Amino acid sequence: MSARKSEGIRLMTICENISELTSRLALYAADRTPLISPSDAEQRNAADGIVYGLFKVLEEAYVLDEETTERMPEVDWAALHGMRNILAHAYGEVDIHVILNTIDRDMPILYNACARLINS
């Protein structure tokens, strides 16, 4: 028995993590100022939670097999891998505006691509 997740489980995990991330971000739909310019520990923790949630998604996506990623040409893999590397290796360099744009722009595409493969 392998300790490695199957591609199907990994795809489901990505979808679950994106859903959790977007639900958490929805709490700030009316005003993202607390995430962009946190004024207290609670707001900093919320912003960190958003960043970590994105990292969880990107880490799962990073280890998908090439055969799987080739079946999702709509996903900008280079951009997602680059973002994952920044979050993993240069956390102090993170720009929350870029994080939020990545979530808004790229996560729906990744979610839909994963869901399509799960359902195929």
PDB file of N, CA and C in Angstrom:
ATOM      1  N   MET A   1       0.837  -1.182   0.000  1.00  0.00           N
ATOM      2  CA  MET A   1       0.000   0.000   0.000  1.00  0.00           C
ATOM      3  C   MET A   1       0.882   1.245   0.000  1.00  0.00           C
ATOM      4  N   SER A   2       0.553   2.187  -0.848  1.00  0.00           N
ATOM      5  CA  SER A   2       1.345   3.402  -0.978  1.00  0.00           C
ATOM      6  C   SER A   2       0.817   4.490  -0.046  1.00  0.00           C
ATOM      7  N   ALA A   3       1.732   5.259   0.502  1.00  0.00           N
ATOM      8  CA  ALA A   3       1.338   6.387   1.347  1.00  0.00           C
ATOM      9  C   ALA A   3       0.966   7.593   0.490  1.00  0.00           C
ATOM     10  N   ARG A   4       1.277   7.543  -0.787  1.00  0.00           N
ATOM     11  CA  ARG A   4       0.998   8.653  -1.700  1.00  0.00           C
ATOM     12  C   ARG A   4      -0.487   8.670  -2.054  1.00  0.00           C
ATOM     13  N   LYS A   5      -1.058   9.851  -2.070  1.00  0.00           N
ATOM     14  CA  LYS A   5      -2.459   9.999  -2.435  1.00  0.00           C
ATOM     15  C   LYS A   5      -2.639   9.648  -3.903  1.00  0.00           C
ATOM     16  N   SER A   6      -3.807   9.098  -4.223  1.00  0.00           N
ATOM     17  CA  SER A   6      -4.137   8.886  -5.627  1.00  0.00           C
ATOM     18  C   SER A   6      -4.459  10.239  -6.257  1.00  0.00           C
ATOM     19  N   GLU A   7      -4.380  10.299  -7.574  1.00  0.00           N
ATOM     20  CA  GLU A   7      -4.690  11.557  -8.266  1.00  0.00           C
ATOM     21  C   GLU A   7      -6.135  11.978  -8.002  1.00  0.00           C
ATOM     22  N   GLY A   8      -7.055  11.018  -7.961  1.00  0.00           N
ATOM     23  CA  GLY A   8      -8.455  11.358  -7.699  1.00  0.00           C
ATOM     24  C   GLY A   8      -8.643  11.987  -6.328  1.00  0.00           C
ATOM     25  N   ILE A   9      -7.991  11.432  -5.331  1.00  0.00           N
ATOM     26  CA  ILE A   9      -8.079  11.995  -3.978  1.00  0.00           C
ATOM     27  C   ILE A   9      -7.414  13.362  -3.943  1.00  0.00           C
ATOM     28  N   ARG A  10      -6.301  13.504  -4.627  1.00  0.00           N
ATOM     29  CA  ARG A  10      -5.618  14.796  -4.667  1.00  0.00           C
ATOM     30  C   ARG A  10      -6.511  15.855  -5.325  1.00  0.00           C
ATOM     31  N   LEU A  11      -7.171  15.495  -6.425  1.00  0.00           N
ATOM     32  CA  LEU A  11      -8.081  16.432  -7.096  1.00  0.00           C
ATOM     33  C   LEU A  11      -9.230  16.833  -6.175  1.00  0.00           C
ATOM     34  N   MET A  12      -9.788  15.860  -5.447  1.00  0.00           N
ATOM     35  CA  MET A  12     -10.869  16.174  -4.503  1.00  0.00           C
ATOM     36  C   MET A  12     -10.365  17.064  -3.376  1.00  0.00           C
ATOM     37  N   THR A  13      -9.150  16.812  -2.904  1.00  0.00           N
ATOM     38  CA  THR A  13      -8.569  17.646  -1.850  1.00  0.00           C
ATOM     39  C   THR A  13      -8.389  19.074  -2.333  1.00  0.00           C
ATOM     40  N   ILE A  14      -7.938  19.240  -3.560  1.00  0.00           N
ATOM     41  CA  ILE A  14      -7.781  20.584  -4.124  1.00  0.00           C
ATOM     42  C   ILE A  14      -9.129  21.299  -4.141  1.00  0.00           C
ATOM     43  N   CYS A  15     -10.173  20.626  -4.621  1.00  0.00           N
ATOM     44  CA  CYS A  15     -11.502  21.245  -4.658  1.00  0.00           C
ATOM     45  C   CYS A  15     -11.993  21.601  -3.251  1.00  0.00           C
ATOM     46  N   GLU A  16     -11.804  20.696  -2.306  1.00  0.00           N
ATOM     47  CA  GLU A  16     -12.217  20.980  -0.927  1.00  0.00           C
ATOM     48  C   GLU A  16     -11.459  22.167  -0.352  1.00  0.00           C
ATOM     49  N   ASN A  17     -10.156  22.214  -0.598  1.00  0.00           N
ATOM     50  CA  ASN A  17      -9.349  23.321  -0.070  1.00  0.00           C
ATOM     51  C   ASN A  17      -9.715  24.650  -0.723  1.00  0.00           C
ATOM     52  N   ILE A  18     -10.024  24.624  -2.015  1.00  0.00           N
ATOM     53  CA  ILE A  18     -10.453  25.860  -2.682  1.00  0.00           C
ATOM     54  C   ILE A  18     -11.792  26.312  -2.108  1.00  0.00           C
ATOM     55  N   SER A  19     -12.698  25.384  -1.888  1.00  0.00           N
ATOM     56  CA  SER A  19     -14.002  25.749  -1.301  1.00  0.00           C
ATOM     57  C   SER A  19     -13.831  26.367   0.082  1.00  0.00           C
ATOM     58  N   GLU A  20     -12.976  25.762   0.887  1.00  0.00           N
ATOM     59  CA  GLU A  20     -12.709  26.296   2.228  1.00  0.00           C
ATOM     60  C   GLU A  20     -12.086  27.686   2.138  1.00  0.00           C
ATOM     61  N   LEU A  21     -11.136  27.849   1.241  1.00  0.00           N
ATOM     62  CA  LEU A  21     -10.451  29.132   1.065  1.00  0.00           C
ATOM     63  C   LEU A  21     -11.424  30.215   0.613  1.00  0.00           C
ATOM     64  N   THR A  22     -12.252  29.922  -0.374  1.00  0.00           N
ATOM     65  CA  THR A  22     -13.178  30.940  -0.872  1.00  0.00           C
ATOM     66  C   THR A  22     -14.263  31.254   0.148  1.00  0.00           C
ATOM     67  N   SER A  23     -14.644  30.253   0.956  1.00  0.00           N
ATOM     68  CA  SER A  23     -15.612  30.524   2.032  1.00  0.00           C
ATOM     69  C   SER A  23     -15.017  31.464   3.066  1.00  0.00           C
ATOM     70  N   ARG A  24     -13.764  31.220   3.421  1.00  0.00           N
ATOM     71  CA  ARG A  24     -13.085  32.082   4.387  1.00  0.00           C
ATOM     72  C   ARG A  24     -12.945  33.504   3.819  1.00  0.00           C
ATOM     73  N   LEU A  25     -12.602  33.596   2.545  1.00  0.00           N
ATOM     74  CA  LEU A  25     -12.434  34.907   1.916  1.00  0.00           C
ATOM     75  C   LEU A  25     -13.766  35.633   1.771  1.00  0.00           C
ATOM     76  N   ALA A  26     -14.855  34.883   1.624  1.00  0.00           N
ATOM     77  CA  ALA A  26     -16.180  35.493   1.481  1.00  0.00           C
ATOM     78  C   ALA A  26     -16.559  36.328   2.697  1.00  0.00           C
ATOM     79  N   LEU A  27     -15.973  36.024   3.849  1.00  0.00           N
ATOM     80  CA  LEU A  27     -16.240  36.825   5.044  1.00  0.00           C
ATOM     81  C   LEU A  27     -15.794  38.270   4.856  1.00  0.00           C
ATOM     82  N   TYR A  28     -14.894  38.482   3.889  1.00  0.00           N
ATOM     83  CA  TYR A  28     -14.352  39.816   3.631  1.00  0.00           C
ATOM     84  C   TYR A  28     -14.804  40.354   2.279  1.00  0.00           C
ATOM     85  N   ALA A  29     -15.915  39.824   1.766  1.00  0.00           N
ATOM     86  CA  ALA A  29     -16.388  40.218   0.438  1.00  0.00           C
ATOM     87  C   ALA A  29     -16.688  41.715   0.359  1.00  0.00           C
ATOM     88  N   ALA A  30     -17.266  42.273   1.398  1.00  0.00           N
ATOM     89  CA  ALA A  30     -17.639  43.685   1.380  1.00  0.00           C
ATOM     90  C   ALA A  30     -16.443  44.606   1.591  1.00  0.00           C
ATOM     91  N   ASP A  31     -15.447  44.122   2.342  1.00  0.00           N
ATOM     92  CA  ASP A  31     -14.305  44.986   2.678  1.00  0.00           C
ATOM     93  C   ASP A  31     -13.081  44.120   2.954  1.00  0.00           C
ATOM     94  N   ARG A  32     -12.121  44.168   2.065  1.00  0.00           N
ATOM     95  CA  ARG A  32     -10.898  43.378   2.233  1.00  0.00           C
ATOM     96  C   ARG A  32      -9.792  44.141   2.956  1.00  0.00           C
ATOM     97  N   THR A  33     -10.104  45.337   3.423  1.00  0.00           N
ATOM     98  CA  THR A  33      -9.113  46.152   4.118  1.00  0.00           C
ATOM     99  C   THR A  33      -8.459  45.407   5.290  1.00  0.00           C
ATOM    100  N   PRO A  34      -9.218  44.655   6.109  1.00  0.00           N
ATOM    101  CA  PRO A  34      -8.563  43.951   7.219  1.00  0.00           C
ATOM    102  C   PRO A  34      -7.508  42.937   6.752  1.00  0.00           C
ATOM    103  N   LEU A  35      -7.661  42.418   5.546  1.00  0.00           N
ATOM    104  CA  LEU A  35      -6.667  41.484   5.021  1.00  0.00           C
ATOM    105  C   LEU A  35      -5.474  42.220   4.424  1.00  0.00           C
ATOM    106  N   ILE A  36      -5.756  43.356   3.799  1.00  0.00           N
ATOM    107  CA  ILE A  36      -4.712  44.119   3.111  1.00  0.00           C
ATOM    108  C   ILE A  36      -3.876  44.929   4.090  1.00  0.00           C
ATOM    109  N   SER A  37      -4.541  45.522   5.074  1.00  0.00           N
ATOM    110  CA  SER A  37      -3.856  46.338   6.082  1.00  0.00           C
ATOM    111  C   SER A  37      -4.349  45.956   7.477  1.00  0.00           C
ATOM    112  N   PRO A  38      -3.952  44.778   7.956  1.00  0.00           N
ATOM    113  CA  PRO A  38      -4.445  44.349   9.270  1.00  0.00           C
ATOM    114  C   PRO A  38      -3.998  45.296  10.376  1.00  0.00           C
ATOM    115  N   SER A  39      -4.944  45.598  11.271  1.00  0.00           N
ATOM    116  CA  SER A  39      -4.641  46.550  12.336  1.00  0.00           C
ATOM    117  C   SER A  39      -4.486  45.884  13.697  1.00  0.00           C
ATOM    118  N   ASP A  40      -4.741  44.588  13.775  1.00  0.00           N
ATOM    119  CA  ASP A  40      -4.576  43.905  15.057  1.00  0.00           C
ATOM    120  C   ASP A  40      -4.225  42.435  14.810  1.00  0.00           C
ATOM    121  N   ALA A  41      -3.962  41.721  15.889  1.00  0.00           N
ATOM    122  CA  ALA A  41      -3.529  40.319  15.778  1.00  0.00           C
ATOM    123  C   ALA A  41      -4.599  39.454  15.119  1.00  0.00           C
ATOM    124  N   GLU A  42      -5.844  39.691  15.416  1.00  0.00           N
ATOM    125  CA  GLU A  42      -6.921  38.898  14.812  1.00  0.00           C
ATOM    126  C   GLU A  42      -6.950  39.072  13.290  1.00  0.00           C
ATOM    127  N   GLN A  43      -6.802  40.296  12.831  1.00  0.00           N
ATOM    128  CA  GLN A  43      -6.802  40.546  11.389  1.00  0.00           C
ATOM    129  C   GLN A  43      -5.545  39.972  10.725  1.00  0.00           C
ATOM    130  N   ARG A  44      -4.400  40.060  11.410  1.00  0.00           N
ATOM    131  CA  ARG A  44      -3.172  39.454  10.861  1.00  0.00           C
ATOM    132  C   ARG A  44      -3.325  37.941  10.764  1.00  0.00           C
ATOM    133  N   ASN A  45      -3.952  37.338  11.773  1.00  0.00           N
ATOM    134  CA  ASN A  45      -4.191  35.900  11.733  1.00  0.00           C
ATOM    135  C   ASN A  45      -5.136  35.524  10.595  1.00  0.00           C
ATOM    136  N   ALA A  46      -6.143  36.348  10.348  1.00  0.00           N
ATOM    137  CA  ALA A  46      -7.069  36.088   9.238  1.00  0.00           C
ATOM    138  C   ALA A  46      -6.334  36.159   7.908  1.00  0.00           C
ATOM    139  N   ALA A  47      -5.486  37.169   7.744  1.00  0.00           N
ATOM    140  CA  ALA A  47      -4.713  37.300   6.506  1.00  0.00           C
ATOM    141  C   ALA A  47      -3.763  36.124   6.339  1.00  0.00           C
ATOM    142  N   ASP A  48      -3.095  35.745   7.415  1.00  0.00           N
ATOM    143  CA  ASP A  48      -2.204  34.581   7.364  1.00  0.00           C
ATOM    144  C   ASP A  48      -2.978  33.309   7.017  1.00  0.00           C
ATOM    145  N   GLY A  49      -4.179  33.189   7.529  1.00  0.00           N
ATOM    146  CA  GLY A  49      -5.009  32.030   7.226  1.00  0.00           C
ATOM    147  C   GLY A  49      -5.369  31.942   5.754  1.00  0.00           C
ATOM    148  N   ILE A  50      -5.623  33.087   5.139  1.00  0.00           N
ATOM    149  CA  ILE A  50      -5.910  33.130   3.694  1.00  0.00           C
ATOM    150  C   ILE A  50      -4.680  32.689   2.919  1.00  0.00           C
ATOM    151  N   VAL A  51      -3.523  33.207   3.297  1.00  0.00           N
ATOM    152  CA  VAL A  51      -2.283  32.845   2.615  1.00  0.00           C
ATOM    153  C   VAL A  51      -2.006  31.355   2.776  1.00  0.00           C
ATOM    154  N   TYR A  52      -2.165  30.840   3.985  1.00  0.00           N
ATOM    155  CA  TYR A  52      -1.935  29.417   4.222  1.00  0.00           C
ATOM    156  C   TYR A  52      -2.935  28.555   3.451  1.00  0.00           C
ATOM    157  N   GLY A  53      -4.173  29.004   3.385  1.00  0.00           N
ATOM    158  CA  GLY A  53      -5.178  28.266   2.614  1.00  0.00           C
ATOM    159  C   GLY A  53      -4.794  28.163   1.150  1.00  0.00           C
ATOM    160  N   LEU A  54      -4.280  29.251   0.602  1.00  0.00           N
ATOM    161  CA  LEU A  54      -3.815  29.210  -0.786  1.00  0.00           C
ATOM    162  C   LEU A  54      -2.624  28.272  -0.915  1.00  0.00           C
ATOM    163  N   PHE A  55      -1.710  28.312   0.044  1.00  0.00           N
ATOM    164  CA  PHE A  55      -0.551  27.423  -0.008  1.00  0.00           C
ATOM    165  C   PHE A  55      -0.983  25.956  -0.017  1.00  0.00           C
ATOM    166  N   LYS A  56      -1.969  25.607   0.793  1.00  0.00           N
ATOM    167  CA  LYS A  56      -2.452  24.221   0.824  1.00  0.00           C
ATOM    168  C   LYS A  56      -2.936  23.788  -0.554  1.00  0.00           C
ATOM    169  N   VAL A  57      -3.687  24.644  -1.226  1.00  0.00           N
ATOM    170  CA  VAL A  57      -4.169  24.334  -2.577  1.00  0.00           C
ATOM    171  C   VAL A  57      -2.990  24.151  -3.523  1.00  0.00           C
ATOM    172  N   LEU A  58      -2.075  25.116  -3.498  1.00  0.00           N
ATOM    173  CA  LEU A  58      -0.956  25.094  -4.438  1.00  0.00           C
ATOM    174  C   LEU A  58      -0.017  23.920  -4.191  1.00  0.00           C
ATOM    175  N   GLU A  59       0.152  23.534  -2.948  1.00  0.00           N
ATOM    176  CA  GLU A  59       1.019  22.397  -2.630  1.00  0.00           C
ATOM    177  C   GLU A  59       0.433  21.107  -3.203  1.00  0.00           C
ATOM    178  N   GLU A  60      -0.870  20.922  -3.071  1.00  0.00           N
ATOM    179  CA  GLU A  60      -1.521  19.743  -3.665  1.00  0.00           C
ATOM    180  C   GLU A  60      -1.396  19.781  -5.187  1.00  0.00           C
ATOM    181  N   ALA A  61      -1.624  20.936  -5.777  1.00  0.00           N
ATOM    182  CA  ALA A  61      -1.554  21.062  -7.234  1.00  0.00           C
ATOM    183  C   ALA A  61      -0.128  20.834  -7.737  1.00  0.00           C
ATOM    184  N   TYR A  62       0.844  21.230  -6.946  1.00  0.00           N
ATOM    185  CA  TYR A  62       2.260  21.140  -7.327  1.00  0.00           C
ATOM    186  C   TYR A  62       2.694  19.697  -7.561  1.00  0.00           C
ATOM    187  N   VAL A  63       2.099  18.770  -6.852  1.00  0.00           N
ATOM    188  CA  VAL A  63       2.537  17.375  -6.953  1.00  0.00           C
ATOM    189  C   VAL A  63       1.617  16.511  -7.817  1.00  0.00           C
ATOM    190  N   LEU A  64       0.695  17.135  -8.533  1.00  0.00           N
ATOM    191  CA  LEU A  64      -0.103  16.370  -9.485  1.00  0.00           C
ATOM    192  C   LEU A  64       0.806  15.801 -10.565  1.00  0.00           C
ATOM    193  N   ASP A  65       0.463  14.624 -11.051  1.00  0.00           N
ATOM    194  CA  ASP A  65       1.230  14.014 -12.131  1.00  0.00           C
ATOM    195  C   ASP A  65       1.122  14.851 -13.400  1.00  0.00           C
ATOM    196  N   GLU A  66       2.164  14.811 -14.212  1.00  0.00           N
ATOM    197  CA  GLU A  66       2.174  15.551 -15.474  1.00  0.00           C
ATOM    198  C   GLU A  66       1.010  15.126 -16.368  1.00  0.00           C
ATOM    199  N   GLU A  67       0.709  13.843 -16.363  1.00  0.00           N
ATOM    200  CA  GLU A  67      -0.420  13.351 -17.172  1.00  0.00           C
ATOM    201  C   GLU A  67      -1.721  14.041 -16.763  1.00  0.00           C
ATOM    202  N   THR A  68      -1.892  14.265 -15.481  1.00  0.00           N
ATOM    203  CA  THR A  68      -3.091  14.940 -14.980  1.00  0.00           C
ATOM    204  C   THR A  68      -3.091  16.410 -15.377  1.00  0.00           C
ATOM    205  N   THR A  69      -1.980  17.094 -15.178  1.00  0.00           N
ATOM    206  CA  THR A  69      -1.946  18.533 -15.494  1.00  0.00           C
ATOM    207  C   THR A  69      -2.108  18.779 -16.994  1.00  0.00           C
ATOM    208  N   GLU A  70      -1.649  17.849 -17.808  1.00  0.00           N
ATOM    209  CA  GLU A  70      -1.818  18.003 -19.262  1.00  0.00           C
ATOM    210  C   GLU A  70      -3.282  17.943 -19.663  1.00  0.00           C
ATOM    211  N   ARG A  71      -4.098  17.338 -18.836  1.00  0.00           N
ATOM    212  CA  ARG A  71      -5.538  17.265 -19.104  1.00  0.00           C
ATOM    213  C   ARG A  71      -6.271  18.520 -18.642  1.00  0.00           C
ATOM    214  N   MET A  72      -5.516  19.494 -18.108  1.00  0.00           N
ATOM    215  CA  MET A  72      -6.097  20.757 -17.643  1.00  0.00           C
ATOM    216  C   MET A  72      -5.339  21.933 -18.277  1.00  0.00           C
ATOM    217  N   PRO A  73      -5.407  22.072 -19.597  1.00  0.00           N
ATOM    218  CA  PRO A  73      -4.625  23.125 -20.266  1.00  0.00           C
ATOM    219  C   PRO A  73      -5.083  24.542 -19.928  1.00  0.00           C
ATOM    220  N   GLU A  74      -6.273  24.690 -19.382  1.00  0.00           N
ATOM    221  CA  GLU A  74      -6.785  26.014 -19.035  1.00  0.00           C
ATOM    222  C   GLU A  74      -6.115  26.599 -17.798  1.00  0.00           C
ATOM    223  N   VAL A  75      -5.418  25.757 -17.045  1.00  0.00           N
ATOM    224  CA  VAL A  75      -4.750  26.190 -15.817  1.00  0.00           C
ATOM    225  C   VAL A  75      -3.352  26.703 -16.151  1.00  0.00           C
ATOM    226  N   ASP A  76      -3.008  27.856 -15.606  1.00  0.00           N
ATOM    227  CA  ASP A  76      -1.667  28.435 -15.800  1.00  0.00           C
ATOM    228  C   ASP A  76      -0.734  27.813 -14.764  1.00  0.00           C
ATOM    229  N   TRP A  77      -0.202  26.637 -15.100  1.00  0.00           N
ATOM    230  CA  TRP A  77       0.615  25.882 -14.159  1.00  0.00           C
ATOM    231  C   TRP A  77       1.886  26.616 -13.774  1.00  0.00           C
ATOM    232  N   ALA A  78       2.506  27.302 -14.726  1.00  0.00           N
ATOM    233  CA  ALA A  78       3.747  28.025 -14.415  1.00  0.00           C
ATOM    234  C   ALA A  78       3.491  29.088 -13.346  1.00  0.00           C
ATOM    235  N   ALA A  79       2.393  29.817 -13.486  1.00  0.00           N
ATOM    236  CA  ALA A  79       2.067  30.855 -12.500  1.00  0.00           C
ATOM    237  C   ALA A  79       1.761  30.244 -11.138  1.00  0.00           C
ATOM    238  N   LEU A  80       0.998  29.157 -11.127  1.00  0.00           N
ATOM    239  CA  LEU A  80       0.653  28.529  -9.848  1.00  0.00           C
ATOM    240  C   LEU A  80       1.876  27.925  -9.174  1.00  0.00           C
ATOM    241  N   HIS A  81       2.750  27.303  -9.950  1.00  0.00           N
ATOM    242  CA  HIS A  81       3.977  26.746  -9.359  1.00  0.00           C
ATOM    243  C   HIS A  81       4.881  27.860  -8.841  1.00  0.00           C
ATOM    244  N   GLY A  82       4.942  28.963  -9.583  1.00  0.00           N
ATOM    245  CA  GLY A  82       5.734  30.103  -9.124  1.00  0.00           C
ATOM    246  C   GLY A  82       5.209  30.673  -7.822  1.00  0.00           C
ATOM    247  N   MET A  83       3.889  30.806  -7.718  1.00  0.00           N
ATOM    248  CA  MET A  83       3.279  31.307  -6.486  1.00  0.00           C
ATOM    249  C   MET A  83       3.539  30.343  -5.337  1.00  0.00           C
ATOM    250  N   ARG A  84       3.418  29.044  -5.585  1.00  0.00           N
ATOM    251  CA  ARG A  84       3.693  28.051  -4.555  1.00  0.00           C
ATOM    252  C   ARG A  84       5.117  28.178  -4.051  1.00  0.00           C
ATOM    253  N   ASN A  85       6.066  28.372  -4.957  1.00  0.00           N
ATOM    254  CA  ASN A  85       7.473  28.489  -4.559  1.00  0.00           C
ATOM    255  C   ASN A  85       7.717  29.745  -3.734  1.00  0.00           C
ATOM    256  N   ILE A  86       7.054  30.825  -4.087  1.00  0.00           N
ATOM    257  CA  ILE A  86       7.190  32.055  -3.294  1.00  0.00           C
ATOM    258  C   ILE A  86       6.638  31.832  -1.886  1.00  0.00           C
ATOM    259  N   LEU A  87       5.473  31.212  -1.802  1.00  0.00           N
ATOM    260  CA  LEU A  87       4.877  30.974  -0.484  1.00  0.00           C
ATOM    261  C   LEU A  87       5.722  30.020   0.340  1.00  0.00           C
ATOM    262  N   ALA A  88       6.343  29.043  -0.303  1.00  0.00           N
ATOM    263  CA  ALA A  88       7.137  28.046   0.424  1.00  0.00           C
ATOM    264  C   ALA A  88       8.507  28.566   0.821  1.00  0.00           C
ATOM    265  N   HIS A  89       9.099  29.402  -0.018  1.00  0.00           N
ATOM    266  CA  HIS A  89      10.509  29.754   0.187  1.00  0.00           C
ATOM    267  C   HIS A  89      10.779  31.234   0.451  1.00  0.00           C
ATOM    268  N   ALA A  90       9.808  32.084   0.194  1.00  0.00           N
ATOM    269  CA  ALA A  90      10.020  33.523   0.391  1.00  0.00           C
ATOM    270  C   ALA A  90       8.780  34.154   1.014  1.00  0.00           C
ATOM    271  N   TYR A  91       8.279  33.527   2.076  1.00  0.00           N
ATOM    272  CA  TYR A  91       7.023  33.951   2.693  1.00  0.00           C
ATOM    273  C   TYR A  91       7.025  35.437   3.037  1.00  0.00           C
ATOM    274  N   GLY A  92       8.155  35.956   3.474  1.00  0.00           N
ATOM    275  CA  GLY A  92       8.246  37.364   3.838  1.00  0.00           C
ATOM    276  C   GLY A  92       8.085  38.310   2.661  1.00  0.00           C
ATOM    277  N   GLU A  93       8.165  37.784   1.473  1.00  0.00           N
ATOM    278  CA  GLU A  93       8.041  38.599   0.257  1.00  0.00           C
ATOM    279  C   GLU A  93       6.612  38.608  -0.290  1.00  0.00           C
ATOM    280  N   VAL A  94       5.683  37.985   0.408  1.00  0.00           N
ATOM    281  CA  VAL A  94       4.317  37.837  -0.086  1.00  0.00           C
ATOM    282  C   VAL A  94       3.608  39.181  -0.127  1.00  0.00           C
ATOM    283  N   ASP A  95       2.970  39.453  -1.260  1.00  0.00           N
ATOM    284  CA  ASP A  95       2.147  40.653  -1.441  1.00  0.00           C
ATOM    285  C   ASP A  95       0.688  40.199  -1.376  1.00  0.00           C
ATOM    286  N   ILE A  96      -0.042  40.644  -0.371  1.00  0.00           N
ATOM    287  CA  ILE A  96      -1.417  40.185  -0.182  1.00  0.00           C
ATOM    288  C   ILE A  96      -2.295  40.534  -1.379  1.00  0.00           C
ATOM    289  N   HIS A  97      -1.998  41.620  -2.085  1.00  0.00           N
ATOM    290  CA  HIS A  97      -2.778  41.962  -3.281  1.00  0.00           C
ATOM    291  C   HIS A  97      -2.637  40.869  -4.336  1.00  0.00           C
ATOM    292  N   VAL A  98      -1.427  40.360  -4.509  1.00  0.00           N
ATOM    293  CA  VAL A  98      -1.186  39.290  -5.485  1.00  0.00           C
ATOM    294  C   VAL A  98      -1.898  38.015  -5.027  1.00  0.00           C
ATOM    295  N   ILE A  99      -1.859  37.731  -3.736  1.00  0.00           N
ATOM    296  CA  ILE A  99      -2.553  36.561  -3.195  1.00  0.00           C
ATOM    297  C   ILE A  99      -4.048  36.644  -3.505  1.00  0.00           C
ATOM    298  N   LEU A 100      -4.649  37.775  -3.205  1.00  0.00           N
ATOM    299  CA  LEU A 100      -6.085  37.937  -3.439  1.00  0.00           C
ATOM    300  C   LEU A 100      -6.415  37.848  -4.918  1.00  0.00           C
ATOM    301  N   ASN A 101      -5.589  38.431  -5.774  1.00  0.00           N
ATOM    302  CA  ASN A 101      -5.815  38.333  -7.213  1.00  0.00           C
ATOM    303  C   ASN A 101      -5.689  36.893  -7.692  1.00  0.00           C
ATOM    304  N   THR A 102      -4.732  36.167  -7.152  1.00  0.00           N
ATOM    305  CA  THR A 102      -4.568  34.759  -7.519  1.00  0.00           C
ATOM    306  C   THR A 102      -5.798  33.960  -7.124  1.00  0.00           C
ATOM    307  N   ILE A 103      -6.303  34.206  -5.935  1.00  0.00           N
ATOM    308  CA  ILE A 103      -7.502  33.493  -5.487  1.00  0.00           C
ATOM    309  C   ILE A 103      -8.689  33.845  -6.384  1.00  0.00           C
ATOM    310  N   ASP A 104      -8.876  35.119  -6.644  1.00  0.00           N
ATOM    311  CA  ASP A 104     -10.018  35.562  -7.454  1.00  0.00           C
ATOM    312  C   ASP A 104      -9.927  35.072  -8.895  1.00  0.00           C
ATOM    313  N   ARG A 105      -8.740  35.115  -9.470  1.00  0.00           N
ATOM    314  CA  ARG A 105      -8.561  34.828 -10.890  1.00  0.00           C
ATOM    315  C   ARG A 105      -8.322  33.347 -11.170  1.00  0.00           C
ATOM    316  N   ASP A 106      -7.427  32.731 -10.411  1.00  0.00           N
ATOM    317  CA  ASP A 106      -6.957  31.388 -10.763  1.00  0.00           C
ATOM    318  C   ASP A 106      -7.669  30.245 -10.054  1.00  0.00           C
ATOM    319  N   MET A 107      -8.163  30.471  -8.857  1.00  0.00           N
ATOM    320  CA  MET A 107      -8.768  29.364  -8.121  1.00  0.00           C
ATOM    321  C   MET A 107     -10.059  28.847  -8.770  1.00  0.00           C
ATOM    322  N   PRO A 108     -10.928  29.714  -9.315  1.00  0.00           N
ATOM    323  CA  PRO A 108     -12.113  29.162 -10.001  1.00  0.00           C
ATOM    324  C   PRO A 108     -11.732  28.290 -11.202  1.00  0.00           C
ATOM    325  N   ILE A 109     -10.703  28.689 -11.925  1.00  0.00           N
ATOM    326  CA  ILE A 109     -10.248  27.909 -13.080  1.00  0.00           C
ATOM    327  C   ILE A 109      -9.718  26.554 -12.619  1.00  0.00           C
ATOM    328  N   LEU A 110      -8.882  26.556 -11.584  1.00  0.00           N
ATOM    329  CA  LEU A 110      -8.331  25.310 -11.063  1.00  0.00           C
ATOM    330  C   LEU A 110      -9.440  24.422 -10.508  1.00  0.00           C
ATOM    331  N   TYR A 111     -10.355  25.002  -9.764  1.00  0.00           N
ATOM    332  CA  TYR A 111     -11.468  24.239  -9.200  1.00  0.00           C
ATOM    333  C   TYR A 111     -12.270  23.559 -10.306  1.00  0.00           C
ATOM    334  N   ASN A 112     -12.651  24.320 -11.314  1.00  0.00           N
ATOM    335  CA  ASN A 112     -13.462  23.778 -12.403  1.00  0.00           C
ATOM    336  C   ASN A 112     -12.717  22.683 -13.168  1.00  0.00           C
ATOM    337  N   ALA A 113     -11.413  22.876 -13.384  1.00  0.00           N
ATOM    338  CA  ALA A 113     -10.624  21.856 -14.087  1.00  0.00           C
ATOM    339  C   ALA A 113     -10.548  20.566 -13.259  1.00  0.00           C
ATOM    340  N   CYS A 114     -10.326  20.696 -11.964  1.00  0.00           N
ATOM    341  CA  CYS A 114     -10.267  19.511 -11.101  1.00  0.00           C
ATOM    342  C   CYS A 114     -11.625  18.812 -11.049  1.00  0.00           C
ATOM    343  N   ALA A 115     -12.682  19.591 -10.894  1.00  0.00           N
ATOM    344  CA  ALA A 115     -14.027  19.009 -10.835  1.00  0.00           C
ATOM    345  C   ALA A 115     -14.361  18.280 -12.133  1.00  0.00           C
ATOM    346  N   ARG A 116     -13.950  18.849 -13.254  1.00  0.00           N
ATOM    347  CA  ARG A 116     -14.185  18.202 -14.556  1.00  0.00           C
ATOM    348  C   ARG A 116     -13.510  16.834 -14.595  1.00  0.00           C
ATOM    349  N   LEU A 117     -12.271  16.752 -14.145  1.00  0.00           N
ATOM    350  CA  LEU A 117     -11.575  15.471 -14.156  1.00  0.00           C
ATOM    351  C   LEU A 117     -12.169  14.486 -13.163  1.00  0.00           C
ATOM    352  N   ILE A 118     -12.587  14.975 -12.022  1.00  0.00           N
ATOM    353  CA  ILE A 118     -13.222  14.093 -11.030  1.00  0.00           C
ATOM    354  C   ILE A 118     -14.471  13.461 -11.626  1.00  0.00           C
ATOM    355  N   ASN A 119     -15.233  14.248 -12.363  1.00  0.00           N
ATOM    356  CA  ASN A 119     -16.506  13.794 -12.901  1.00  0.00           C
ATOM    357  C   ASN A 119     -16.396  13.082 -14.249  1.00  0.00           C
ATOM    358  N   SER A 120     -15.174  12.975 -14.772  1.00  0.00           N
ATOM    359  CA  SER A 120     -15.026  12.314 -16.090  1.00  0.00           C
ATOM    360  C   SER A 120     -14.778  10.831 -15.953  1.00  0.00           C
TER     361      SER A 120
END
